[in-house]
PDB file of N, CA and C in Angstrom:
ATOM      1  N   MET A   1      28.402 -38.498  13.937  1.00  0.00           N
ATOM      2  CA  MET A   1      27.666 -37.089  14.379  1.00  0.00           C
ATOM      3  C   MET A   1      27.066 -36.463  13.291  1.00  0.00           C
ATOM      4  N   THR A   2      25.833 -35.757  13.627  1.00  0.00           N
ATOM      5  CA  THR A   2      25.420 -35.239  12.906  1.00  0.00           C
ATOM      6  C   THR A   2      25.341 -33.734  12.700  1.00  0.00           C
ATOM      7  N   LYS A   3      25.706 -33.064  11.508  1.00  0.00           N
ATOM      8  CA  LYS A   3      26.054 -31.751  11.448  1.00  0.00           C
ATOM      9  C   LYS A   3      24.596 -30.998  11.500  1.00  0.00           C
ATOM     10  N   ALA A   4      24.832 -30.173  13.102  1.00  0.00           N
ATOM     11  CA  ALA A   4      23.566 -28.976  13.008  1.00  0.00           C
ATOM     12  C   ALA A   4      23.306 -28.236  12.054  1.00  0.00           C
ATOM     13  N   LYS A   5      21.907 -28.008  11.629  1.00  0.00           N
ATOM     14  CA  LYS A   5      21.577 -27.065  10.543  1.00  0.00           C
ATOM     15  C   LYS A   5      21.444 -25.841  10.984  1.00  0.00           C
ATOM     16  N   ALA A   6      22.048 -24.647  10.640  1.00  0.00           N
ATOM     17  CA  ALA A   6      22.267 -23.595  10.704  1.00  0.00           C
ATOM     18  C   ALA A   6      20.354 -22.754  10.344  1.00  0.00           C
ATOM     19  N   PRO A   7      20.505 -22.064  11.447  1.00  0.00           N
ATOM     20  CA  PRO A   7      18.582 -21.404  11.402  1.00  0.00           C
ATOM     21  C   PRO A   7      18.499 -21.032  10.164  1.00  0.00           C
ATOM     22  N   LEU A   8      17.322 -21.092   9.479  1.00  0.00           N
ATOM     23  CA  LEU A   8      16.777 -20.813   8.242  1.00  0.00           C
ATOM     24  C   LEU A   8      16.558 -18.579   8.756  1.00  0.00           C
ATOM     25  N   LYS A   9      17.077 -18.309   7.688  1.00  0.00           N
ATOM     26  CA  LYS A   9      16.873 -16.398   7.894  1.00  0.00           C
ATOM     27  C   LYS A   9      15.795 -16.065   6.689  1.00  0.00           C
ATOM     28  N   LEU A  10      14.702 -15.368   7.632  1.00  0.00           N
ATOM     29  CA  LEU A  10      13.761 -14.886   7.160  1.00  0.00           C
ATOM     30  C   LEU A  10      13.745 -13.785   6.574  1.00  0.00           C
ATOM     31  N   VAL A  11      13.294 -13.506   5.778  1.00  0.00           N
ATOM     32  CA  VAL A  11      13.457 -11.662   4.932  1.00  0.00           C
ATOM     33  C   VAL A  11      11.592 -11.714   5.303  1.00  0.00           C
ATOM     34  N   ALA A  12      11.802 -10.055   5.550  1.00  0.00           N
ATOM     35  CA  ALA A  12      10.013  -9.799   5.913  1.00  0.00           C
ATOM     36  C   ALA A  12       9.724  -9.476   3.718  1.00  0.00           C
ATOM     37  N   PHE A  13       8.206 -10.281   4.039  1.00  0.00           N
ATOM     38  CA  PHE A  13       7.720  -9.586   2.559  1.00  0.00           C
ATOM     39  C   PHE A  13       7.529  -8.469   2.416  1.00  0.00           C
ATOM     40  N   ASP A  14       7.933  -7.664   1.527  1.00  0.00           N
ATOM     41  CA  ASP A  14       7.412  -6.429   0.721  1.00  0.00           C
ATOM     42  C   ASP A  14       6.901  -6.479  -0.359  1.00  0.00           C
ATOM     43  N   ALA A  15       5.520  -6.003  -0.384  1.00  0.00           N
ATOM     44  CA  ALA A  15       4.500  -6.475  -1.694  1.00  0.00           C
ATOM     45  C   ALA A  15       5.048  -4.786  -3.077  1.00  0.00           C
ATOM     46  N   ALA A  16       5.856  -3.875  -1.600  1.00  0.00           N
ATOM     47  CA  ALA A  16       5.912  -3.015  -2.989  1.00  0.00           C
ATOM     48  C   ALA A  16       7.217  -3.311  -3.360  1.00  0.00           C
ATOM     49  N   LYS A  17       8.348  -4.005  -3.522  1.00  0.00           N
ATOM     50  CA  LYS A  17       9.002  -4.762  -4.497  1.00  0.00           C
ATOM     51  C   LYS A  17       8.294  -5.337  -5.784  1.00  0.00           C
ATOM     52  N   TYR A  18       7.149  -5.916  -5.868  1.00  0.00           N
ATOM     53  CA  TYR A  18       6.790  -6.687  -7.124  1.00  0.00           C
ATOM     54  C   TYR A  18       5.736  -5.470  -7.366  1.00  0.00           C
ATOM     55  N   LEU A  19       5.436  -4.679  -7.234  1.00  0.00           N
ATOM     56  CA  LEU A  19       5.036  -3.517  -7.724  1.00  0.00           C
ATOM     57  C   LEU A  19       5.227  -2.673  -8.994  1.00  0.00           C
ATOM     58  N   LYS A  20       6.002  -3.229  -9.993  1.00  0.00           N
ATOM     59  CA  LYS A  20       6.570  -2.911 -10.850  1.00  0.00           C
ATOM     60  C   LYS A  20       6.229  -1.921 -12.167  1.00  0.00           C
ATOM     61  N   ASP A  21       4.795  -2.099 -12.185  1.00  0.00           N
ATOM     62  CA  ASP A  21       3.889  -1.471 -13.418  1.00  0.00           C
ATOM     63  C   ASP A  21       2.106  -1.509 -12.775  1.00  0.00           C
ATOM     64  N   ASP A  22       1.862  -0.486 -13.673  1.00  0.00           N
ATOM     65  CA  ASP A  22       0.360  -0.069 -13.422  1.00  0.00           C
ATOM     66  C   ASP A  22      -0.472  -1.330 -13.309  1.00  0.00           C
ATOM     67  N   HIS A  23      -0.202  -2.526 -14.383  1.00  0.00           N
ATOM     68  CA  HIS A  23      -0.882  -3.678 -13.790  1.00  0.00           C
ATOM     69  C   HIS A  23      -0.595  -4.541 -12.529  1.00  0.00           C
ATOM     70  N   ALA A  24       0.473  -4.702 -11.921  1.00  0.00           N
ATOM     71  CA  ALA A  24       0.146  -5.355 -11.223  1.00  0.00           C
ATOM     72  C   ALA A  24      -0.179  -4.416  -9.885  1.00  0.00           C
ATOM     73  N   VAL A  25      -0.210  -3.055 -10.225  1.00  0.00           N
ATOM     74  CA  VAL A  25      -0.474  -1.765  -8.803  1.00  0.00           C
ATOM     75  C   VAL A  25      -2.372  -2.284  -8.796  1.00  0.00           C
ATOM     76  N   ALA A  26      -3.038  -2.334 -10.319  1.00  0.00           N
ATOM     77  CA  ALA A  26      -4.272  -2.721 -10.436  1.00  0.00           C
ATOM     78  C   ALA A  26      -4.527  -3.904 -10.098  1.00  0.00           C
ATOM     79  N   GLU A  27      -3.882  -4.731 -10.451  1.00  0.00           N
ATOM     80  CA  GLU A  27      -4.171  -6.772  -9.572  1.00  0.00           C
ATOM     81  C   GLU A  27      -4.640  -6.542  -8.501  1.00  0.00           C
ATOM     82  N   TYR A  28      -3.389  -5.895  -7.696  1.00  0.00           N
ATOM     83  CA  TYR A  28      -2.902  -5.830  -6.155  1.00  0.00           C
ATOM     84  C   TYR A  28      -3.987  -5.225  -5.284  1.00  0.00           C
ATOM     85  N   MET A  29      -4.000  -3.595  -5.880  1.00  0.00           N
ATOM     86  CA  MET A  29      -5.212  -3.490  -5.368  1.00  0.00           C
ATOM     87  C   MET A  29      -7.184  -3.902  -5.527  1.00  0.00           C
ATOM     88  N   SER A  30      -6.890  -4.528  -6.473  1.00  0.00           N
ATOM     89  CA  SER A  30      -8.223  -5.009  -6.783  1.00  0.00           C
ATOM     90  C   SER A  30      -8.682  -6.269  -5.703  1.00  0.00           C
ATOM     91  N   ALA A  31      -7.379  -7.127  -5.655  1.00  0.00           N
ATOM     92  CA  ALA A  31      -7.495  -8.276  -4.875  1.00  0.00           C
ATOM     93  C   ALA A  31      -7.971  -7.575  -3.187  1.00  0.00           C
ATOM     94  N   VAL A  32      -6.987  -6.495  -2.786  1.00  0.00           N
ATOM     95  CA  VAL A  32      -7.299  -5.659  -1.447  1.00  0.00           C
ATOM     96  C   VAL A  32      -9.056  -5.502  -1.317  1.00  0.00           C
ATOM     97  N   MET A  33      -9.629  -4.992  -2.023  1.00  0.00           N
ATOM     98  CA  MET A  33     -10.561  -4.220  -2.092  1.00  0.00           C
ATOM     99  C   MET A  33     -11.784  -5.218  -1.945  1.00  0.00           C
ATOM    100  N   GLU A  34     -11.257  -6.812  -2.609  1.00  0.00           N
ATOM    101  CA  GLU A  34     -12.264  -7.697  -2.096  1.00  0.00           C
ATOM    102  C   GLU A  34     -12.231  -8.151  -0.958  1.00  0.00           C
ATOM    103  N   ALA A  35     -11.068  -7.976   0.230  1.00  0.00           N
ATOM    104  CA  ALA A  35     -10.684  -8.507   1.364  1.00  0.00           C
ATOM    105  C   ALA A  35     -12.046  -7.558   2.151  1.00  0.00           C
ATOM    106  N   ASN A  36     -11.805  -6.232   1.799  1.00  0.00           N
ATOM    107  CA  ASN A  36     -13.375  -5.562   2.858  1.00  0.00           C
ATOM    108  C   ASN A  36     -12.690  -5.102   4.123  1.00  0.00           C
ATOM    109  N   ASP A  37     -11.235  -4.916   3.916  1.00  0.00           N
ATOM    110  CA  ASP A  37     -10.430  -4.861   5.220  1.00  0.00           C
ATOM    111  C   ASP A  37     -10.224  -3.238   5.222  1.00  0.00           C
ATOM    112  N   THR A  38     -10.278  -1.950   5.973  1.00  0.00           N
ATOM    113  CA  THR A  38     -10.071  -0.838   5.570  1.00  0.00           C
ATOM    114  C   THR A  38      -8.700  -0.413   6.256  1.00  0.00           C
ATOM    115  N   ASP A  39      -8.077  -1.357   7.064  1.00  0.00           N
ATOM    116  CA  ASP A  39      -7.034  -1.605   7.610  1.00  0.00           C
ATOM    117  C   ASP A  39      -5.532  -2.037   6.518  1.00  0.00           C
ATOM    118  N   LEU A  40      -6.412  -3.060   5.668  1.00  0.00           N
ATOM    119  CA  LEU A  40      -6.029  -3.823   5.075  1.00  0.00           C
ATOM    120  C   LEU A  40      -5.661  -2.754   3.402  1.00  0.00           C
ATOM    121  N   LEU A  41      -6.562  -1.880   3.539  1.00  0.00           N
ATOM    122  CA  LEU A  41      -6.582  -0.803   2.352  1.00  0.00           C
ATOM    123  C   LEU A  41      -6.033   0.217   2.736  1.00  0.00           C
ATOM    124  N   LEU A  42      -4.859   0.661   3.401  1.00  0.00           N
ATOM    125  CA  LEU A  42      -4.451   1.796   4.236  1.00  0.00           C
ATOM    126  C   LEU A  42      -2.862   0.750   4.038  1.00  0.00           C
ATOM    127  N   LEU A  43      -2.912  -0.453   4.406  1.00  0.00           N
ATOM    128  CA  LEU A  43      -1.046  -0.751   4.196  1.00  0.00           C
ATOM    129  C   LEU A  43      -0.984  -1.149   2.598  1.00  0.00           C
ATOM    130  N   ALA A  44      -2.281  -1.496   1.956  1.00  0.00           N
ATOM    131  CA  ALA A  44      -2.142  -1.779   0.617  1.00  0.00           C
ATOM    132  C   ALA A  44      -1.416   0.078  -0.359  1.00  0.00           C
ATOM    133  N   LEU A  45      -2.472   0.971  -0.125  1.00  0.00           N
ATOM    134  CA  LEU A  45      -1.894   2.202  -0.283  1.00  0.00           C
ATOM    135  C   LEU A  45      -0.400   2.287  -0.015  1.00  0.00           C
ATOM    136  N   GLY A  46      -0.115   2.288   0.964  1.00  0.00           N
ATOM    137  CA  GLY A  46       1.414   2.816   1.818  1.00  0.00           C
ATOM    138  C   GLY A  46       2.218   1.485   0.816  1.00  0.00           C
ATOM    139  N   ASP A  47       1.481   0.059   0.698  1.00  0.00           N
ATOM    140  CA  ASP A  47       2.945  -0.003  -0.052  1.00  0.00           C
ATOM    141  C   ASP A  47       2.801   0.298  -1.897  1.00  0.00           C
ATOM    142  N   VAL A  48       2.348   0.423  -2.259  1.00  0.00           N
ATOM    143  CA  VAL A  48       2.173   1.072  -4.004  1.00  0.00           C
ATOM    144  C   VAL A  48       2.991   2.742  -3.648  1.00  0.00           C
ATOM    145  N   ALA A  49       2.410   3.379  -2.618  1.00  0.00           N
ATOM    146  CA  ALA A  49       3.222   4.034  -2.481  1.00  0.00           C
ATOM    147  C   ALA A  49       4.826   4.610  -2.302  1.00  0.00           C
ATOM    148  N   ARG A  50       5.107   3.353  -1.535  1.00  0.00           N
ATOM    149  CA  ARG A  50       6.515   3.145  -1.086  1.00  0.00           C
ATOM    150  C   ARG A  50       6.967   2.717  -2.903  1.00  0.00           C
ATOM    151  N   ALA A  51       6.249   1.961  -3.810  1.00  0.00           N
ATOM    152  CA  ALA A  51       6.569   1.173  -4.622  1.00  0.00           C
ATOM    153  C   ALA A  51       6.753   2.780  -6.198  1.00  0.00           C
ATOM    154  N   LYS A  52       5.904   3.898  -5.538  1.00  0.00           N
ATOM    155  CA  LYS A  52       6.183   4.920  -6.151  1.00  0.00           C
ATOM    156  C   LYS A  52       6.925   5.836  -5.427  1.00  0.00           C
ATOM    157  N   GLY A  53       7.274   5.798  -4.570  1.00  0.00           N
ATOM    158  CA  GLY A  53       7.963   6.637  -3.731  1.00  0.00           C
ATOM    159  C   GLY A  53       7.356   7.728  -3.133  1.00  0.00           C
ATOM    160  N   MET A  54       7.682   7.866  -1.738  1.00  0.00           N
ATOM    161  CA  MET A  54       6.422   8.312  -0.802  1.00  0.00           C
ATOM    162  C   MET A  54       6.594   9.636  -0.943  1.00  0.00           C
ATOM    163  N   THR A  55       8.077   9.954  -1.239  1.00  0.00           N
ATOM    164  CA  THR A  55       8.119  11.747  -1.380  1.00  0.00           C
ATOM    165  C   THR A  55       7.458  12.531  -2.466  1.00  0.00           C
ATOM    166  N   GLN A  56       7.263  11.535  -4.054  1.00  0.00           N
ATOM    167  CA  GLN A  56       6.626  12.066  -4.997  1.00  0.00           C
ATOM    168  C   GLN A  56       5.313  12.155  -4.677  1.00  0.00           C
ATOM    169  N   VAL A  57       4.550  10.560  -4.102  1.00  0.00           N
ATOM    170  CA  VAL A  57       3.081  10.672  -3.718  1.00  0.00           C
ATOM    171  C   VAL A  57       3.059  11.955  -2.726  1.00  0.00           C
ATOM    172  N   ALA A  58       3.471  11.838  -1.714  1.00  0.00           N
ATOM    173  CA  ALA A  58       3.144  12.868  -0.646  1.00  0.00           C
ATOM    174  C   ALA A  58       2.920  14.449  -1.629  1.00  0.00           C
ATOM    175  N   LYS A  59       3.644  14.380  -2.273  1.00  0.00           N
ATOM    176  CA  LYS A  59       3.598  15.793  -3.041  1.00  0.00           C
ATOM    177  C   LYS A  59       2.422  15.918  -4.292  1.00  0.00           C
ATOM    178  N   ASP A  60       2.382  14.718  -4.965  1.00  0.00           N
ATOM    179  CA  ASP A  60       1.395  14.434  -5.752  1.00  0.00           C
ATOM    180  C   ASP A  60      -0.084  14.931  -5.442  1.00  0.00           C
ATOM    181  N   ALA A  61      -0.340  14.096  -3.585  1.00  0.00           N
ATOM    182  CA  ALA A  61      -1.767  14.066  -3.055  1.00  0.00           C
ATOM    183  C   ALA A  61      -1.524  15.730  -2.296  1.00  0.00           C
ATOM    184  N   GLY A  62      -0.662  16.422  -1.861  1.00  0.00           N
ATOM    185  CA  GLY A  62      -0.933  17.543  -1.450  1.00  0.00           C
ATOM    186  C   GLY A  62      -0.164  17.424   0.093  1.00  0.00           C
ATOM    187  N   LEU A  63       0.245  16.486   0.635  1.00  0.00           N
ATOM    188  CA  LEU A  63       0.416  15.900   1.820  1.00  0.00           C
ATOM    189  C   LEU A  63       1.611  16.011   1.709  1.00  0.00           C
ATOM    190  N   GLY A  64       2.218  16.434   3.466  1.00  0.00           N
ATOM    191  CA  GLY A  64       3.776  16.097   4.042  1.00  0.00           C
ATOM    192  C   GLY A  64       3.625  14.852   3.676  1.00  0.00           C
ATOM    193  N   ARG A  65       5.218  14.369   3.921  1.00  0.00           N
ATOM    194  CA  ARG A  65       5.806  12.965   3.617  1.00  0.00           C
ATOM    195  C   ARG A  65       5.060  12.709   5.089  1.00  0.00           C
ATOM    196  N   GLU A  66       5.454  13.093   5.939  1.00  0.00           N
ATOM    197  CA  GLU A  66       5.049  12.873   7.111  1.00  0.00           C
ATOM    198  C   GLU A  66       3.373  12.273   7.597  1.00  0.00           C
ATOM    199  N   SER A  67       3.175  13.449   7.277  1.00  0.00           N
ATOM    200  CA  SER A  67       1.532  13.096   7.449  1.00  0.00           C
ATOM    201  C   SER A  67       1.209  11.789   6.696  1.00  0.00           C
ATOM    202  N   LEU A  68       1.816  11.726   4.809  1.00  0.00           N
ATOM    203  CA  LEU A  68       1.427  10.416   4.403  1.00  0.00           C
ATOM    204  C   LEU A  68       1.748   9.460   5.278  1.00  0.00           C
ATOM    205  N   TYR A  69       2.552   9.432   5.385  1.00  0.00           N
ATOM    206  CA  TYR A  69       2.999   7.943   6.555  1.00  0.00           C
ATOM    207  C   TYR A  69       2.359   7.511   7.302  1.00  0.00           C
ATOM    208  N   LYS A  70       1.614   8.853   8.376  1.00  0.00           N
ATOM    209  CA  LYS A  70       0.782   9.187   9.344  1.00  0.00           C
ATOM    210  C   LYS A  70      -0.790   8.163   8.857  1.00  0.00           C
ATOM    211  N   ALA A  71      -1.323   8.832   7.496  1.00  0.00           N
ATOM    212  CA  ALA A  71      -2.483   8.800   7.592  1.00  0.00           C
ATOM    213  C   ALA A  71      -2.225   7.062   7.020  1.00  0.00           C
ATOM    214  N   LEU A  72      -1.484   6.201   6.497  1.00  0.00           N
ATOM    215  CA  LEU A  72      -1.113   4.692   6.079  1.00  0.00           C
ATOM    216  C   LEU A  72      -1.322   4.163   6.909  1.00  0.00           C
ATOM    217  N   SER A  73      -0.751   4.208   8.164  1.00  0.00           N
ATOM    218  CA  SER A  73       0.140   3.807   9.369  1.00  0.00           C
ATOM    219  C   SER A  73      -0.903   2.633   9.787  1.00  0.00           C
ATOM    220  N   PRO A  74      -1.049   1.475  10.637  1.00  0.00           N
ATOM    221  CA  PRO A  74      -2.481   0.775  10.854  1.00  0.00           C
ATOM    222  C   PRO A  74      -3.074   1.027  11.965  1.00  0.00           C
ATOM    223  N   GLY A  75      -3.985   1.232  11.853  1.00  0.00           N
ATOM    224  CA  GLY A  75      -5.037   1.568  12.470  1.00  0.00           C
ATOM    225  C   GLY A  75      -4.956   2.827  12.704  1.00  0.00           C
ATOM    226  N   ALA A  76      -4.552   4.171  11.784  1.00  0.00           N
ATOM    227  CA  ALA A  76      -4.996   5.128  11.001  1.00  0.00           C
ATOM    228  C   ALA A  76      -6.651   5.227  10.915  1.00  0.00           C
ATOM    229  N   LYS A  77      -6.839   6.210  10.965  1.00  0.00           N
ATOM    230  CA  LYS A  77      -8.247   6.836  10.259  1.00  0.00           C
ATOM    231  C   LYS A  77      -8.722   7.942   9.302  1.00  0.00           C
ATOM    232  N   PRO A  78      -7.641   7.606   8.563  1.00  0.00           N
ATOM    233  CA  PRO A  78      -8.057   9.072   7.613  1.00  0.00           C
ATOM    234  C   PRO A  78      -9.123   9.534   7.140  1.00  0.00           C
ATOM    235  N   ARG A  79      -8.879  10.541   7.505  1.00  0.00           N
ATOM    236  CA  ARG A  79     -10.340  11.156   6.471  1.00  0.00           C
ATOM    237  C   ARG A  79     -10.536  10.455   4.735  1.00  0.00           C
ATOM    238  N   PHE A  80     -11.662  10.324   4.851  1.00  0.00           N
ATOM    239  CA  PHE A  80     -12.257   9.643   3.040  1.00  0.00           C
ATOM    240  C   PHE A  80     -11.042  10.866   2.318  1.00  0.00           C
ATOM    241  N   GLU A  81     -11.558  12.042   2.220  1.00  0.00           N
ATOM    242  CA  GLU A  81     -11.209  12.971   1.248  1.00  0.00           C
ATOM    243  C   GLU A  81      -9.370  13.073   1.199  1.00  0.00           C
ATOM    244  N   THR A  82      -8.674  12.630   2.747  1.00  0.00           N
ATOM    245  CA  THR A  82      -7.624  11.939   2.143  1.00  0.00           C
ATOM    246  C   THR A  82      -7.233  10.521   1.603  1.00  0.00           C
ATOM    247  N   VAL A  83      -7.555   9.542   1.406  1.00  0.00           N
ATOM    248  CA  VAL A  83      -7.483   8.274   1.330  1.00  0.00           C
ATOM    249  C   VAL A  83      -8.022   8.547  -0.240  1.00  0.00           C
ATOM    250  N   MET A  84      -9.005   9.440  -1.242  1.00  0.00           N
ATOM    251  CA  MET A  84      -8.764   9.682  -2.298  1.00  0.00           C
ATOM    252  C   MET A  84      -8.033  10.702  -2.820  1.00  0.00           C
ATOM    253  N   LYS A  85      -7.471  11.670  -2.293  1.00  0.00           N
ATOM    254  CA  LYS A  85      -6.040  12.334  -2.877  1.00  0.00           C
ATOM    255  C   LYS A  85      -4.903  11.154  -2.587  1.00  0.00           C
ATOM    256  N   VAL A  86      -4.935  10.199  -1.775  1.00  0.00           N
ATOM    257  CA  VAL A  86      -3.986   9.506  -2.428  1.00  0.00           C
ATOM    258  C   VAL A  86      -4.089   8.562  -3.505  1.00  0.00           C
ATOM    259  N   ALA A  87      -5.020   8.042  -3.555  1.00  0.00           N
ATOM    260  CA  ALA A  87      -5.491   7.402  -4.454  1.00  0.00           C
ATOM    261  C   ALA A  87      -5.151   7.803  -5.713  1.00  0.00           C
ATOM    262  N   HIS A  88      -5.927   8.669  -5.830  1.00  0.00           N
ATOM    263  CA  HIS A  88      -5.402   9.996  -7.486  1.00  0.00           C
ATOM    264  C   HIS A  88      -4.039  10.023  -7.348  1.00  0.00           C
ATOM    265  N   ALA A  89      -3.013  10.323  -6.427  1.00  0.00           N
ATOM    266  CA  ALA A  89      -1.672  10.481  -6.453  1.00  0.00           C
ATOM    267  C   ALA A  89      -0.974   9.082  -7.458  1.00  0.00           C
ATOM    268  N   LEU A  90      -1.359   7.844  -6.441  1.00  0.00           N
ATOM    269  CA  LEU A  90      -0.938   6.971  -7.019  1.00  0.00           C
ATOM    270  C   LEU A  90      -1.267   6.043  -8.862  1.00  0.00           C
ATOM    271  N   GLY A  91      -2.273   6.822  -8.940  1.00  0.00           N
ATOM    272  CA  GLY A  91      -3.017   6.650 -10.437  1.00  0.00           C
ATOM    273  C   GLY A  91      -3.600   5.352 -10.331  1.00  0.00           C
ATOM    274  N   VAL A  92      -4.629   5.314  -9.052  1.00  0.00           N
ATOM    275  CA  VAL A  92      -5.665   4.284  -8.521  1.00  0.00           C
ATOM    276  C   VAL A  92      -7.231   4.911  -8.346  1.00  0.00           C
ATOM    277  N   LYS A  93      -8.287   4.320  -9.308  1.00  0.00           N
ATOM    278  CA  LYS A  93      -9.266   4.678  -9.053  1.00  0.00           C
ATOM    279  C   LYS A  93     -10.425   3.922  -7.844  1.00  0.00           C
ATOM    280  N   PHE A  94     -11.402   3.791  -7.320  1.00  0.00           N
ATOM    281  CA  PHE A  94     -12.213   3.148  -6.496  1.00  0.00           C
ATOM    282  C   PHE A  94     -13.449   3.024  -7.840  1.00  0.00           C
ATOM    283  N   THR A  95     -13.872   1.851  -8.240  1.00  0.00           N
ATOM    284  CA  THR A  95     -15.171   2.042  -8.647  1.00  0.00           C
ATOM    285  C   THR A  95     -16.246   0.808  -7.933  1.00  0.00           C
ATOM    286  N   VAL A  96     -17.876   0.925  -8.694  1.00  0.00           N
ATOM    287  CA  VAL A  96     -18.888   0.512  -7.444  1.00  0.00           C
ATOM    288  C   VAL A  96     -19.069  -0.066  -8.731  1.00  0.00           C
ATOM    289  N   GLN A  97     -19.998  -1.063  -8.226  1.00  0.00           N
ATOM    290  CA  GLN A  97     -20.217  -2.175  -8.625  1.00  0.00           C
ATOM    291  C   GLN A  97     -21.406  -2.641  -7.655  1.00  0.00           C
ATOM    292  N   SER A  98     -22.813  -3.334  -8.056  1.00  0.00           N
ATOM    293  CA  SER A  98     -23.453  -4.057  -7.300  1.00  0.00           C
ATOM    294  C   SER A  98     -23.233  -5.331  -7.263  1.00  0.00           C
ATOM    295  N   VAL A  99     -23.544  -6.246  -5.947  1.00  0.00           N
ATOM    296  CA  VAL A  99     -22.939  -7.282  -5.385  1.00  0.00           C
ATOM    297  C   VAL A  99     -24.115  -8.028  -5.222  1.00  0.00           C
TER     298      VAL A  99
END
């Protein structure tokens, strides 16, 4: 008689748990920028914001916490000004280079 295996319990991956220092954040954001995907960029900004604390990031960006969540939610179309405020609050900046 064979014993049935218990089903595997999968835990959702949370990038914020791994963004513990500025170097990790910079590497993560650089990789995301390579993808050239605006939804992924918003997701990554949200991951970094959660790692640093949403309330503090919202305050540093001059936004309400609810507004920050909405701006970084999937499918959101935040203003460029908002993205730049959030990036500044997170301590990251976007750079330009020729391709």
